[in-house]
Amino acid sequence: MADLDRATASLVRLAARVTGGIEEDVRAGLVECLESGVPATWLDELVLQSYLFAGFPRALNAARELRRVAEGGPSTGGALPDFADSYANTFEWRLRGQDTCSDVYGPMYEKLRANIRQLHPALDEWMIVEGYGKVLSRPGLDLRRRELCIVAACVAAGQDRQLHSHLHGARNVGVADTVVSEALAALEQVVPPAHLNTAKLLWARVLGK
């Protein structure tokens, strides 16, 4: 990704609002996304992945707001899906989760797996199968935009350790440095200033500045 288009910038801002804002913020973010031409599939996928980074209550609230917007008609950029994945696909989720996680973490992948297993083997399994396999490998939103949204969620939540990892992850999956910088800048007035300042410092460290 060489440029931060308007739709992606709005989606990134929505990710931060879902994670750190109130329902009015989420509504404002959805309106901004619709005005920017964000496809319904992107919105749906952002809401689904938000439970990994913002928790189930916020994901449910965001889904409720998205459904309310969807009832307004075709302005959502397409119909929202009305089906769920089957847990019979667990083996496939594990395989694609390993691939996706490896893409994000690059040369740090094996170290990550070892560290998470040391924390708890169940967390390692859930990270790969549930997080990277079932959720982040879904085809409705590309991995580059997913990573930018994860960065935004980590900034909003003040989760600096995970933010540092996903700043690297965005680069690893092909997001240009200028686009990451623009995505952080897009979070002005959306996340707490202290969180954004810390994020910019971490980004400078990633860049070696």
N, C-alpha and C. Protein backbone atom coordinates (compact mmCIF):
# COMPACT_ATOMS: atom_id res chain seq x y z
N MET A 1 0.85 -1.19 0.00
CA MET A 1 0.00 0.00 0.00
C MET A 1 0.88 1.24 0.00
N ALA A 2 0.76 2.04 -1.06
CA ALA A 2 1.64 3.18 -1.23
C ALA A 2 0.99 4.50 -0.81
N ASP A 3 -0.34 4.54 -0.73
CA ASP A 3 -1.04 5.76 -0.38
C ASP A 3 -2.17 5.46 0.60
N LEU A 4 -2.45 6.40 1.49
CA LEU A 4 -3.57 6.28 2.41
C LEU A 4 -4.77 6.97 1.77
N ASP A 5 -5.64 6.18 1.15
CA ASP A 5 -6.81 6.77 0.52
C ASP A 5 -7.82 7.20 1.57
N ARG A 6 -8.76 8.01 1.15
CA ARG A 6 -9.73 8.59 2.08
C ARG A 6 -10.55 7.52 2.80
N ALA A 7 -10.97 6.48 2.07
CA ALA A 7 -11.77 5.42 2.67
C ALA A 7 -10.99 4.68 3.76
N THR A 8 -9.73 4.38 3.47
CA THR A 8 -8.92 3.67 4.46
C THR A 8 -8.67 4.53 5.69
N ALA A 9 -8.43 5.83 5.48
CA ALA A 9 -8.22 6.74 6.61
C ALA A 9 -9.46 6.76 7.51
N SER A 10 -10.64 6.77 6.91
CA SER A 10 -11.88 6.77 7.69
C SER A 10 -12.05 5.47 8.44
N LEU A 11 -11.69 4.36 7.80
CA LEU A 11 -11.79 3.05 8.47
C LEU A 11 -10.84 2.98 9.66
N VAL A 12 -9.64 3.52 9.50
CA VAL A 12 -8.66 3.53 10.58
C VAL A 12 -9.18 4.36 11.76
N ARG A 13 -9.77 5.49 11.46
CA ARG A 13 -10.32 6.33 12.51
C ARG A 13 -11.49 5.63 13.22
N LEU A 14 -12.29 4.88 12.45
CA LEU A 14 -13.39 4.13 13.05
C LEU A 14 -12.86 3.06 13.99
N ALA A 15 -11.78 2.39 13.60
CA ALA A 15 -11.18 1.37 14.47
C ALA A 15 -10.81 1.96 15.83
N ALA A 16 -10.26 3.15 15.82
CA ALA A 16 -9.91 3.81 17.08
C ALA A 16 -11.16 4.19 17.87
N ARG A 17 -12.18 4.64 17.17
CA ARG A 17 -13.41 5.04 17.86
C ARG A 17 -14.12 3.84 18.48
N VAL A 18 -14.13 2.72 17.77
CA VAL A 18 -14.76 1.52 18.32
C VAL A 18 -14.02 1.09 19.59
N THR A 19 -12.71 1.20 19.58
CA THR A 19 -11.89 0.74 20.70
C THR A 19 -11.93 1.68 21.90
N GLY A 20 -11.91 2.98 21.65
CA GLY A 20 -11.78 3.92 22.75
C GLY A 20 -12.89 4.93 22.93
N GLY A 21 -13.85 4.94 22.01
CA GLY A 21 -14.88 5.96 22.06
C GLY A 21 -16.19 5.49 22.67
N ILE A 22 -17.16 6.39 22.71
CA ILE A 22 -18.50 6.06 23.15
C ILE A 22 -19.37 5.83 21.91
N GLU A 23 -20.62 5.45 22.12
CA GLU A 23 -21.47 5.08 20.98
C GLU A 23 -21.64 6.24 20.00
N GLU A 24 -21.69 7.46 20.51
CA GLU A 24 -21.81 8.60 19.61
C GLU A 24 -20.58 8.73 18.71
N ASP A 25 -19.41 8.41 19.26
CA ASP A 25 -18.18 8.44 18.46
C ASP A 25 -18.24 7.39 17.35
N VAL A 26 -18.75 6.21 17.69
CA VAL A 26 -18.85 5.15 16.69
C VAL A 26 -19.82 5.56 15.59
N ARG A 27 -20.94 6.17 15.97
CA ARG A 27 -21.90 6.63 14.96
C ARG A 27 -21.26 7.66 14.04
N ALA A 28 -20.52 8.59 14.64
CA ALA A 28 -19.85 9.60 13.83
C ALA A 28 -18.84 8.96 12.89
N GLY A 29 -18.14 7.95 13.38
CA GLY A 29 -17.17 7.26 12.55
C GLY A 29 -17.82 6.52 11.40
N LEU A 30 -18.97 5.91 11.65
CA LEU A 30 -19.69 5.21 10.59
C LEU A 30 -20.18 6.19 9.52
N VAL A 31 -20.69 7.34 9.96
CA VAL A 31 -21.13 8.36 9.00
C VAL A 31 -19.95 8.81 8.15
N GLU A 32 -18.82 9.05 8.79
CA GLU A 32 -17.62 9.46 8.06
C GLU A 32 -17.22 8.39 7.05
N CYS A 33 -17.30 7.13 7.45
CA CYS A 33 -16.94 6.03 6.54
C CYS A 33 -17.87 5.99 5.34
N LEU A 34 -19.16 6.15 5.57
CA LEU A 34 -20.11 6.11 4.47
C LEU A 34 -19.88 7.27 3.51
N GLU A 35 -19.60 8.44 4.07
CA GLU A 35 -19.33 9.61 3.22
C GLU A 35 -18.05 9.43 2.42
N SER A 36 -17.13 8.60 2.93
CA SER A 36 -15.85 8.37 2.27
C SER A 36 -15.90 7.19 1.31
N GLY A 37 -17.05 6.54 1.22
CA GLY A 37 -17.19 5.44 0.28
C GLY A 37 -16.62 4.12 0.77
N VAL A 38 -16.56 3.92 2.09
CA VAL A 38 -16.05 2.65 2.63
C VAL A 38 -17.05 1.55 2.32
N PRO A 39 -16.62 0.44 1.70
CA PRO A 39 -17.54 -0.67 1.39
C PRO A 39 -18.12 -1.30 2.65
N ALA A 40 -19.32 -1.82 2.54
CA ALA A 40 -19.97 -2.47 3.67
C ALA A 40 -19.14 -3.64 4.20
N THR A 41 -18.49 -4.36 3.29
CA THR A 41 -17.68 -5.50 3.72
C THR A 41 -16.55 -5.07 4.63
N TRP A 42 -15.90 -3.94 4.33
CA TRP A 42 -14.82 -3.44 5.19
C TRP A 42 -15.36 -3.12 6.58
N LEU A 43 -16.53 -2.47 6.62
CA LEU A 43 -17.11 -2.11 7.91
C LEU A 43 -17.44 -3.35 8.72
N ASP A 44 -18.02 -4.33 8.06
CA ASP A 44 -18.37 -5.57 8.73
C ASP A 44 -17.14 -6.25 9.30
N GLU A 45 -16.08 -6.32 8.50
CA GLU A 45 -14.86 -6.98 8.94
C GLU A 45 -14.18 -6.21 10.08
N LEU A 46 -14.21 -4.90 10.01
CA LEU A 46 -13.62 -4.10 11.09
C LEU A 46 -14.34 -4.36 12.41
N VAL A 47 -15.66 -4.40 12.35
CA VAL A 47 -16.43 -4.68 13.57
C VAL A 47 -16.10 -6.06 14.11
N LEU A 48 -16.03 -7.05 13.22
CA LEU A 48 -15.74 -8.41 13.67
C LEU A 48 -14.36 -8.52 14.32
N GLN A 49 -13.36 -7.90 13.69
CA GLN A 49 -12.01 -8.04 14.26
C GLN A 49 -11.84 -7.21 15.52
N SER A 50 -12.73 -6.26 15.75
CA SER A 50 -12.57 -5.40 16.92
C SER A 50 -12.73 -6.17 18.23
N TYR A 51 -13.40 -7.32 18.19
CA TYR A 51 -13.53 -8.05 19.46
C TYR A 51 -12.19 -8.58 19.94
N LEU A 52 -11.23 -8.75 19.01
CA LEU A 52 -9.90 -9.21 19.41
C LEU A 52 -9.13 -8.12 20.15
N PHE A 53 -9.38 -6.86 19.81
CA PHE A 53 -8.56 -5.76 20.31
C PHE A 53 -9.32 -4.80 21.21
N ALA A 54 -10.65 -4.83 21.15
CA ALA A 54 -11.44 -3.92 21.98
C ALA A 54 -12.34 -4.66 22.96
N GLY A 55 -12.50 -5.97 22.78
CA GLY A 55 -13.35 -6.75 23.66
C GLY A 55 -14.74 -6.95 23.07
N PHE A 56 -15.42 -7.99 23.54
CA PHE A 56 -16.73 -8.34 23.01
C PHE A 56 -17.79 -7.25 23.23
N PRO A 57 -17.85 -6.61 24.40
CA PRO A 57 -18.89 -5.58 24.59
C PRO A 57 -18.80 -4.46 23.56
N ARG A 58 -17.60 -3.97 23.30
CA ARG A 58 -17.45 -2.89 22.30
C ARG A 58 -17.76 -3.40 20.89
N ALA A 59 -17.38 -4.63 20.60
CA ALA A 59 -17.69 -5.19 19.29
C ALA A 59 -19.21 -5.30 19.10
N LEU A 60 -19.91 -5.73 20.15
CA LEU A 60 -21.36 -5.83 20.06
C LEU A 60 -22.01 -4.46 19.87
N ASN A 61 -21.51 -3.46 20.60
CA ASN A 61 -22.05 -2.11 20.45
C ASN A 61 -21.81 -1.57 19.04
N ALA A 62 -20.61 -1.83 18.51
CA ALA A 62 -20.31 -1.37 17.16
C ALA A 62 -21.17 -2.09 16.13
N ALA A 63 -21.39 -3.38 16.32
CA ALA A 63 -22.25 -4.13 15.41
C ALA A 63 -23.68 -3.59 15.43
N ARG A 64 -24.14 -3.22 16.62
CA ARG A 64 -25.48 -2.66 16.73
C ARG A 64 -25.58 -1.34 15.95
N GLU A 65 -24.58 -0.49 16.09
CA GLU A 65 -24.60 0.78 15.36
C GLU A 65 -24.51 0.55 13.86
N LEU A 66 -23.69 -0.42 13.44
CA LEU A 66 -23.55 -0.70 12.02
C LEU A 66 -24.87 -1.22 11.45
N ARG A 67 -25.55 -2.09 12.16
CA ARG A 67 -26.83 -2.61 11.69
C ARG A 67 -27.87 -1.49 11.58
N ARG A 68 -27.83 -0.56 12.51
CA ARG A 68 -28.75 0.58 12.43
C ARG A 68 -28.50 1.39 11.18
N VAL A 69 -27.23 1.60 10.86
CA VAL A 69 -26.89 2.33 9.65
C VAL A 69 -27.30 1.53 8.42
N ALA A 70 -27.09 0.22 8.45
CA ALA A 70 -27.42 -0.63 7.31
C ALA A 70 -28.90 -0.61 6.99
N GLU A 71 -29.74 -0.42 8.02
CA GLU A 71 -31.18 -0.37 7.79
C GLU A 71 -31.59 0.85 6.98
N GLY A 72 -30.67 1.81 6.86
CA GLY A 72 -30.98 3.01 6.10
C GLY A 72 -31.00 2.82 4.61
N GLY A 73 -30.49 1.67 4.12
CA GLY A 73 -30.55 1.42 2.68
C GLY A 73 -29.19 1.20 2.07
N PRO A 74 -29.08 1.43 0.75
CA PRO A 74 -27.87 1.09 0.00
C PRO A 74 -26.67 1.97 0.29
N SER A 75 -26.83 3.00 1.12
CA SER A 75 -25.72 3.91 1.40
C SER A 75 -24.57 3.22 2.11
N THR A 76 -24.81 1.99 2.63
CA THR A 76 -23.73 1.27 3.29
C THR A 76 -22.74 0.67 2.31
N GLY A 77 -23.00 0.79 1.01
CA GLY A 77 -22.06 0.28 0.03
C GLY A 77 -22.19 -1.21 -0.21
N GLY A 78 -23.36 -1.78 0.08
CA GLY A 78 -23.59 -3.20 -0.14
C GLY A 78 -24.28 -3.83 1.05
N ALA A 79 -24.76 -5.06 0.85
CA ALA A 79 -25.47 -5.76 1.91
C ALA A 79 -24.51 -6.38 2.91
N LEU A 80 -24.88 -6.37 4.18
CA LEU A 80 -24.09 -7.02 5.21
C LEU A 80 -24.43 -8.52 5.23
N PRO A 81 -23.45 -9.37 5.46
CA PRO A 81 -23.71 -10.82 5.46
C PRO A 81 -24.60 -11.25 6.62
N ASP A 82 -25.31 -12.36 6.43
CA ASP A 82 -26.19 -12.85 7.48
C ASP A 82 -25.88 -14.31 7.80
N PHE A 83 -24.60 -14.69 7.69
CA PHE A 83 -24.20 -16.06 7.99
C PHE A 83 -22.96 -16.04 8.86
N ALA A 84 -22.68 -17.16 9.53
CA ALA A 84 -21.51 -17.28 10.39
C ALA A 84 -20.61 -18.40 9.89
N ASP A 85 -19.33 -18.32 10.25
CA ASP A 85 -18.40 -19.38 9.89
C ASP A 85 -18.71 -20.65 10.68
N SER A 86 -18.35 -21.79 10.10
CA SER A 86 -18.54 -23.07 10.77
C SER A 86 -17.27 -23.47 11.51
N TYR A 87 -17.43 -23.95 12.74
CA TYR A 87 -16.28 -24.39 13.51
C TYR A 87 -15.72 -25.72 13.01
N ALA A 88 -16.34 -26.26 11.96
CA ALA A 88 -15.76 -27.41 11.29
C ALA A 88 -14.49 -27.02 10.53
N ASN A 89 -14.27 -25.72 10.38
CA ASN A 89 -13.11 -25.21 9.64
C ASN A 89 -11.90 -24.98 10.53
N THR A 90 -11.90 -25.48 11.74
CA THR A 90 -10.82 -25.20 12.69
C THR A 90 -9.45 -25.57 12.14
N PHE A 91 -9.35 -26.71 11.47
CA PHE A 91 -8.05 -27.14 10.93
C PHE A 91 -7.56 -26.13 9.91
N GLU A 92 -8.46 -25.67 9.03
CA GLU A 92 -8.09 -24.65 8.03
C GLU A 92 -7.71 -23.35 8.71
N TRP A 93 -8.44 -22.96 9.76
CA TRP A 93 -8.11 -21.72 10.48
C TRP A 93 -6.69 -21.79 11.04
N ARG A 94 -6.33 -22.95 11.57
CA ARG A 94 -4.99 -23.07 12.16
C ARG A 94 -3.91 -22.89 11.08
N LEU A 95 -4.12 -23.50 9.92
CA LEU A 95 -3.12 -23.39 8.85
C LEU A 95 -2.99 -21.97 8.35
N ARG A 96 -4.12 -21.34 8.06
CA ARG A 96 -4.03 -19.97 7.53
C ARG A 96 -3.65 -18.98 8.63
N GLY A 97 -3.97 -19.32 9.88
CA GLY A 97 -3.54 -18.47 10.99
C GLY A 97 -2.03 -18.47 11.13
N GLN A 98 -1.41 -19.62 10.97
CA GLN A 98 0.04 -19.70 11.02
C GLN A 98 0.66 -18.86 9.90
N ASP A 99 0.08 -18.94 8.72
CA ASP A 99 0.61 -18.17 7.58
C ASP A 99 0.46 -16.67 7.81
N THR A 100 -0.72 -16.26 8.25
CA THR A 100 -0.97 -14.83 8.45
C THR A 100 -0.11 -14.27 9.57
N CYS A 101 -0.03 -14.99 10.68
CA CYS A 101 0.79 -14.53 11.80
C CYS A 101 2.25 -14.44 11.39
N SER A 102 2.71 -15.40 10.60
CA SER A 102 4.09 -15.38 10.11
C SER A 102 4.33 -14.18 9.21
N ASP A 103 3.34 -13.84 8.38
CA ASP A 103 3.47 -12.65 7.52
C ASP A 103 3.60 -11.39 8.36
N VAL A 104 2.80 -11.29 9.42
CA VAL A 104 2.79 -10.08 10.24
C VAL A 104 4.08 -9.95 11.05
N TYR A 105 4.54 -11.05 11.63
CA TYR A 105 5.69 -10.98 12.53
C TYR A 105 7.03 -11.25 11.85
N GLY A 106 7.00 -11.77 10.63
CA GLY A 106 8.25 -11.95 9.89
C GLY A 106 9.26 -12.77 10.66
N PRO A 107 10.49 -12.28 10.76
CA PRO A 107 11.55 -13.05 11.43
C PRO A 107 11.32 -13.23 12.93
N MET A 108 10.37 -12.51 13.50
CA MET A 108 10.08 -12.63 14.94
C MET A 108 8.98 -13.65 15.23
N TYR A 109 8.50 -14.33 14.19
CA TYR A 109 7.36 -15.24 14.36
C TYR A 109 7.64 -16.36 15.36
N GLU A 110 8.73 -17.07 15.18
CA GLU A 110 9.02 -18.20 16.06
C GLU A 110 9.23 -17.74 17.50
N LYS A 111 9.87 -16.59 17.68
CA LYS A 111 10.08 -16.06 19.03
C LYS A 111 8.73 -15.69 19.65
N LEU A 112 7.85 -15.09 18.85
CA LEU A 112 6.52 -14.76 19.36
C LEU A 112 5.80 -16.01 19.85
N ARG A 113 5.80 -17.07 19.03
CA ARG A 113 5.10 -18.30 19.41
C ARG A 113 5.66 -18.87 20.71
N ALA A 114 6.98 -18.86 20.82
CA ALA A 114 7.60 -19.38 22.04
C ALA A 114 7.23 -18.54 23.26
N ASN A 115 7.22 -17.22 23.09
CA ASN A 115 6.88 -16.33 24.21
C ASN A 115 5.43 -16.52 24.65
N ILE A 116 4.52 -16.63 23.68
CA ILE A 116 3.11 -16.78 24.03
C ILE A 116 2.85 -18.14 24.67
N ARG A 117 3.49 -19.18 24.16
CA ARG A 117 3.34 -20.51 24.76
C ARG A 117 3.82 -20.51 26.20
N GLN A 118 4.88 -19.74 26.46
CA GLN A 118 5.40 -19.66 27.82
C GLN A 118 4.41 -18.96 28.74
N LEU A 119 3.70 -17.96 28.20
CA LEU A 119 2.67 -17.30 29.00
C LEU A 119 1.53 -18.27 29.31
N HIS A 120 1.06 -18.94 28.24
CA HIS A 120 0.03 -19.97 28.41
C HIS A 120 -0.20 -20.65 27.06
N PRO A 121 -0.11 -21.99 27.01
CA PRO A 121 -0.31 -22.68 25.73
C PRO A 121 -1.67 -22.41 25.10
N ALA A 122 -2.70 -22.24 25.93
CA ALA A 122 -4.03 -21.96 25.39
C ALA A 122 -4.04 -20.62 24.65
N LEU A 123 -3.34 -19.62 25.18
CA LEU A 123 -3.30 -18.32 24.52
C LEU A 123 -2.62 -18.42 23.15
N ASP A 124 -1.59 -19.25 23.08
CA ASP A 124 -0.91 -19.45 21.79
C ASP A 124 -1.87 -20.08 20.78
N GLU A 125 -2.60 -21.09 21.21
CA GLU A 125 -3.55 -21.76 20.32
C GLU A 125 -4.66 -20.80 19.89
N TRP A 126 -5.20 -20.05 20.83
CA TRP A 126 -6.27 -19.12 20.50
C TRP A 126 -5.77 -18.01 19.58
N MET A 127 -4.56 -17.53 19.82
CA MET A 127 -4.00 -16.48 18.97
C MET A 127 -3.95 -16.93 17.51
N ILE A 128 -3.48 -18.16 17.28
CA ILE A 128 -3.32 -18.65 15.92
C ILE A 128 -4.65 -19.04 15.29
N VAL A 129 -5.41 -19.87 15.99
CA VAL A 129 -6.65 -20.39 15.40
C VAL A 129 -7.75 -19.34 15.39
N GLU A 130 -7.99 -18.75 16.54
CA GLU A 130 -9.09 -17.79 16.67
C GLU A 130 -8.73 -16.43 16.08
N GLY A 131 -7.59 -15.89 16.49
CA GLY A 131 -7.22 -14.54 16.07
C GLY A 131 -6.78 -14.46 14.62
N TYR A 132 -5.64 -15.06 14.34
CA TYR A 132 -5.07 -14.93 13.00
C TYR A 132 -5.75 -15.81 11.97
N GLY A 133 -6.30 -16.95 12.40
CA GLY A 133 -6.92 -17.86 11.44
C GLY A 133 -8.37 -17.53 11.15
N LYS A 134 -9.21 -17.60 12.19
CA LYS A 134 -10.64 -17.39 11.99
C LYS A 134 -10.98 -15.95 11.63
N VAL A 135 -10.28 -14.99 12.24
CA VAL A 135 -10.67 -13.59 12.09
C VAL A 135 -9.80 -12.83 11.09
N LEU A 136 -8.53 -12.74 11.34
CA LEU A 136 -7.68 -11.85 10.55
C LEU A 136 -7.32 -12.40 9.17
N SER A 137 -7.64 -13.66 8.91
CA SER A 137 -7.41 -14.21 7.57
C SER A 137 -8.67 -14.21 6.72
N ARG A 138 -9.74 -13.66 7.21
CA ARG A 138 -10.97 -13.59 6.42
C ARG A 138 -10.73 -12.74 5.17
N PRO A 139 -11.38 -13.09 4.06
CA PRO A 139 -11.10 -12.42 2.79
C PRO A 139 -11.76 -11.05 2.60
N GLY A 140 -12.66 -10.65 3.49
CA GLY A 140 -13.42 -9.43 3.25
C GLY A 140 -12.63 -8.13 3.38
N LEU A 141 -11.46 -8.19 4.01
CA LEU A 141 -10.62 -7.00 4.18
C LEU A 141 -9.17 -7.45 4.09
N ASP A 142 -8.38 -6.76 3.28
CA ASP A 142 -7.00 -7.18 3.08
C ASP A 142 -6.17 -6.95 4.34
N LEU A 143 -5.07 -7.72 4.44
CA LEU A 143 -4.26 -7.73 5.66
C LEU A 143 -3.60 -6.37 5.91
N ARG A 144 -3.27 -5.63 4.86
CA ARG A 144 -2.64 -4.33 5.07
C ARG A 144 -3.58 -3.37 5.78
N ARG A 145 -4.83 -3.33 5.34
CA ARG A 145 -5.78 -2.45 6.01
C ARG A 145 -6.11 -2.96 7.41
N ARG A 146 -6.16 -4.28 7.55
CA ARG A 146 -6.38 -4.83 8.90
C ARG A 146 -5.29 -4.37 9.85
N GLU A 147 -4.04 -4.43 9.41
CA GLU A 147 -2.93 -4.04 10.28
C GLU A 147 -3.01 -2.56 10.66
N LEU A 148 -3.37 -1.71 9.72
CA LEU A 148 -3.53 -0.29 10.04
C LEU A 148 -4.64 -0.09 11.07
N CYS A 149 -5.71 -0.85 10.95
CA CYS A 149 -6.80 -0.75 11.92
C CYS A 149 -6.38 -1.28 13.29
N ILE A 150 -5.55 -2.31 13.30
CA ILE A 150 -5.03 -2.83 14.56
C ILE A 150 -4.13 -1.79 15.22
N VAL A 151 -3.30 -1.14 14.42
CA VAL A 151 -2.45 -0.06 14.94
C VAL A 151 -3.33 1.00 15.60
N ALA A 152 -4.39 1.40 14.91
CA ALA A 152 -5.28 2.43 15.45
C ALA A 152 -5.93 1.97 16.75
N ALA A 153 -6.36 0.71 16.80
CA ALA A 153 -6.98 0.18 18.01
C ALA A 153 -6.00 0.18 19.17
N CYS A 154 -4.76 -0.20 18.90
CA CYS A 154 -3.74 -0.23 19.96
C CYS A 154 -3.42 1.17 20.46
N VAL A 155 -3.41 2.14 19.56
CA VAL A 155 -3.18 3.53 19.98
C VAL A 155 -4.32 3.98 20.89
N ALA A 156 -5.55 3.73 20.46
CA ALA A 156 -6.71 4.17 21.24
C ALA A 156 -6.74 3.53 22.62
N ALA A 157 -6.31 2.26 22.70
CA ALA A 157 -6.35 1.55 23.98
C ALA A 157 -5.11 1.79 24.83
N GLY A 158 -4.11 2.45 24.26
CA GLY A 158 -2.88 2.68 25.00
C GLY A 158 -2.09 1.40 25.22
N GLN A 159 -2.22 0.45 24.30
CA GLN A 159 -1.52 -0.83 24.40
C GLN A 159 -0.20 -0.73 23.64
N ASP A 160 0.80 -0.18 24.28
CA ASP A 160 2.04 0.17 23.59
C ASP A 160 2.85 -1.06 23.14
N ARG A 161 2.86 -2.11 23.93
CA ARG A 161 3.63 -3.29 23.56
C ARG A 161 3.08 -3.90 22.27
N GLN A 162 1.75 -4.05 22.21
CA GLN A 162 1.14 -4.60 21.00
C GLN A 162 1.24 -3.62 19.84
N LEU A 163 1.16 -2.33 20.15
CA LEU A 163 1.31 -1.32 19.12
C LEU A 163 2.67 -1.43 18.45
N HIS A 164 3.70 -1.56 19.23
CA HIS A 164 5.05 -1.68 18.70
C HIS A 164 5.14 -2.87 17.74
N SER A 165 4.55 -3.99 18.13
CA SER A 165 4.57 -5.18 17.29
C SER A 165 3.83 -4.95 15.98
N HIS A 166 2.69 -4.29 16.05
CA HIS A 166 1.89 -4.13 14.83
C HIS A 166 2.36 -2.97 13.95
N LEU A 167 3.12 -2.05 14.50
CA LEU A 167 3.80 -1.08 13.63
C LEU A 167 4.81 -1.82 12.75
N HIS A 168 5.55 -2.74 13.36
CA HIS A 168 6.42 -3.60 12.58
C HIS A 168 5.60 -4.46 11.62
N GLY A 169 4.47 -4.96 12.12
CA GLY A 169 3.63 -5.83 11.30
C GLY A 169 3.12 -5.14 10.06
N ALA A 170 2.72 -3.88 10.18
CA ALA A 170 2.25 -3.14 9.01
C ALA A 170 3.34 -3.07 7.94
N ARG A 171 4.55 -2.82 8.37
CA ARG A 171 5.67 -2.80 7.41
C ARG A 171 5.89 -4.19 6.81
N ASN A 172 5.80 -5.22 7.64
CA ASN A 172 6.06 -6.58 7.18
C ASN A 172 5.08 -7.03 6.11
N VAL A 173 3.84 -6.54 6.16
CA VAL A 173 2.86 -6.97 5.16
C VAL A 173 2.77 -6.01 3.98
N GLY A 174 3.67 -5.02 3.94
CA GLY A 174 3.77 -4.20 2.75
C GLY A 174 3.18 -2.81 2.80
N VAL A 175 2.84 -2.32 3.99
CA VAL A 175 2.36 -0.95 4.11
C VAL A 175 3.56 -0.01 4.08
N ALA A 176 3.54 0.98 3.21
CA ALA A 176 4.64 1.93 3.11
C ALA A 176 4.76 2.75 4.39
N ASP A 177 5.99 3.13 4.73
CA ASP A 177 6.22 3.92 5.95
C ASP A 177 5.42 5.21 5.93
N THR A 178 5.33 5.83 4.76
CA THR A 178 4.57 7.09 4.68
C THR A 178 3.10 6.88 5.00
N VAL A 179 2.57 5.71 4.63
CA VAL A 179 1.16 5.42 4.89
C VAL A 179 0.93 5.21 6.39
N VAL A 180 1.86 4.53 7.06
CA VAL A 180 1.73 4.36 8.51
C VAL A 180 1.76 5.73 9.19
N SER A 181 2.66 6.59 8.75
CA SER A 181 2.74 7.94 9.33
C SER A 181 1.44 8.70 9.10
N GLU A 182 0.87 8.57 7.91
CA GLU A 182 -0.39 9.25 7.60
C GLU A 182 -1.54 8.68 8.43
N ALA A 183 -1.51 7.37 8.65
CA ALA A 183 -2.56 6.75 9.45
C ALA A 183 -2.51 7.25 10.89
N LEU A 184 -1.31 7.39 11.43
CA LEU A 184 -1.18 7.94 12.78
C LEU A 184 -1.67 9.38 12.82
N ALA A 185 -1.31 10.15 11.82
CA ALA A 185 -1.76 11.54 11.76
C ALA A 185 -3.27 11.63 11.67
N ALA A 186 -3.89 10.65 11.02
CA ALA A 186 -5.35 10.65 10.87
C ALA A 186 -6.07 10.45 12.19
N LEU A 187 -5.34 10.02 13.22
CA LEU A 187 -5.94 9.78 14.53
C LEU A 187 -6.01 11.03 15.40
N GLU A 188 -5.51 12.14 14.89
CA GLU A 188 -5.63 13.41 15.62
C GLU A 188 -7.11 13.69 15.90
N GLN A 189 -7.41 14.13 17.09
CA GLN A 189 -8.77 14.45 17.52
C GLN A 189 -9.64 13.22 17.71
N VAL A 190 -9.07 12.02 17.55
CA VAL A 190 -9.84 10.79 17.72
C VAL A 190 -9.38 10.02 18.95
N VAL A 191 -8.09 10.03 19.22
CA VAL A 191 -7.53 9.31 20.37
C VAL A 191 -6.95 10.32 21.34
N PRO A 192 -6.73 9.93 22.59
CA PRO A 192 -6.12 10.85 23.57
C PRO A 192 -4.76 11.34 23.08
N PRO A 193 -4.47 12.63 23.19
CA PRO A 193 -3.19 13.17 22.71
C PRO A 193 -1.98 12.44 23.28
N ALA A 194 -2.03 12.06 24.55
CA ALA A 194 -0.89 11.36 25.14
C ALA A 194 -0.66 10.02 24.47
N HIS A 195 -1.74 9.32 24.13
CA HIS A 195 -1.61 8.04 23.43
C HIS A 195 -0.98 8.24 22.06
N LEU A 196 -1.42 9.28 21.36
CA LEU A 196 -0.90 9.52 20.02
C LEU A 196 0.57 9.94 20.06
N ASN A 197 0.93 10.75 21.04
CA ASN A 197 2.34 11.15 21.17
C ASN A 197 3.23 9.93 21.42
N THR A 198 2.77 9.03 22.28
CA THR A 198 3.54 7.81 22.54
C THR A 198 3.65 6.98 21.28
N ALA A 199 2.55 6.88 20.52
CA ALA A 199 2.57 6.11 19.28
C ALA A 199 3.57 6.67 18.29
N LYS A 200 3.63 7.97 18.19
CA LYS A 200 4.57 8.60 17.25
C LYS A 200 6.01 8.35 17.69
N LEU A 201 6.24 8.35 18.99
CA LEU A 201 7.59 8.04 19.49
C LEU A 201 7.97 6.60 19.19
N LEU A 202 7.03 5.68 19.37
CA LEU A 202 7.28 4.28 19.06
C LEU A 202 7.55 4.10 17.56
N TRP A 203 6.79 4.80 16.75
CA TRP A 203 6.98 4.72 15.30
C TRP A 203 8.35 5.24 14.90
N ALA A 204 8.78 6.32 15.52
CA ALA A 204 10.11 6.85 15.24
C ALA A 204 11.18 5.82 15.62
N ARG A 205 10.95 5.11 16.73
CA ARG A 205 11.90 4.07 17.14
C ARG A 205 11.93 2.93 16.12
N VAL A 206 10.76 2.55 15.61
CA VAL A 206 10.71 1.50 14.59
C VAL A 206 11.49 1.92 13.35
N LEU A 207 11.36 3.19 13.01
CA LEU A 207 12.06 3.71 11.82
C LEU A 207 13.55 3.93 12.08
N GLY A 208 13.95 3.80 13.33
CA GLY A 208 15.35 4.01 13.67
C GLY A 208 15.74 5.45 13.75
N LYS A 209 14.77 6.32 14.08
CA LYS A 209 15.08 7.75 14.16
C LYS A 209 15.30 8.17 15.60
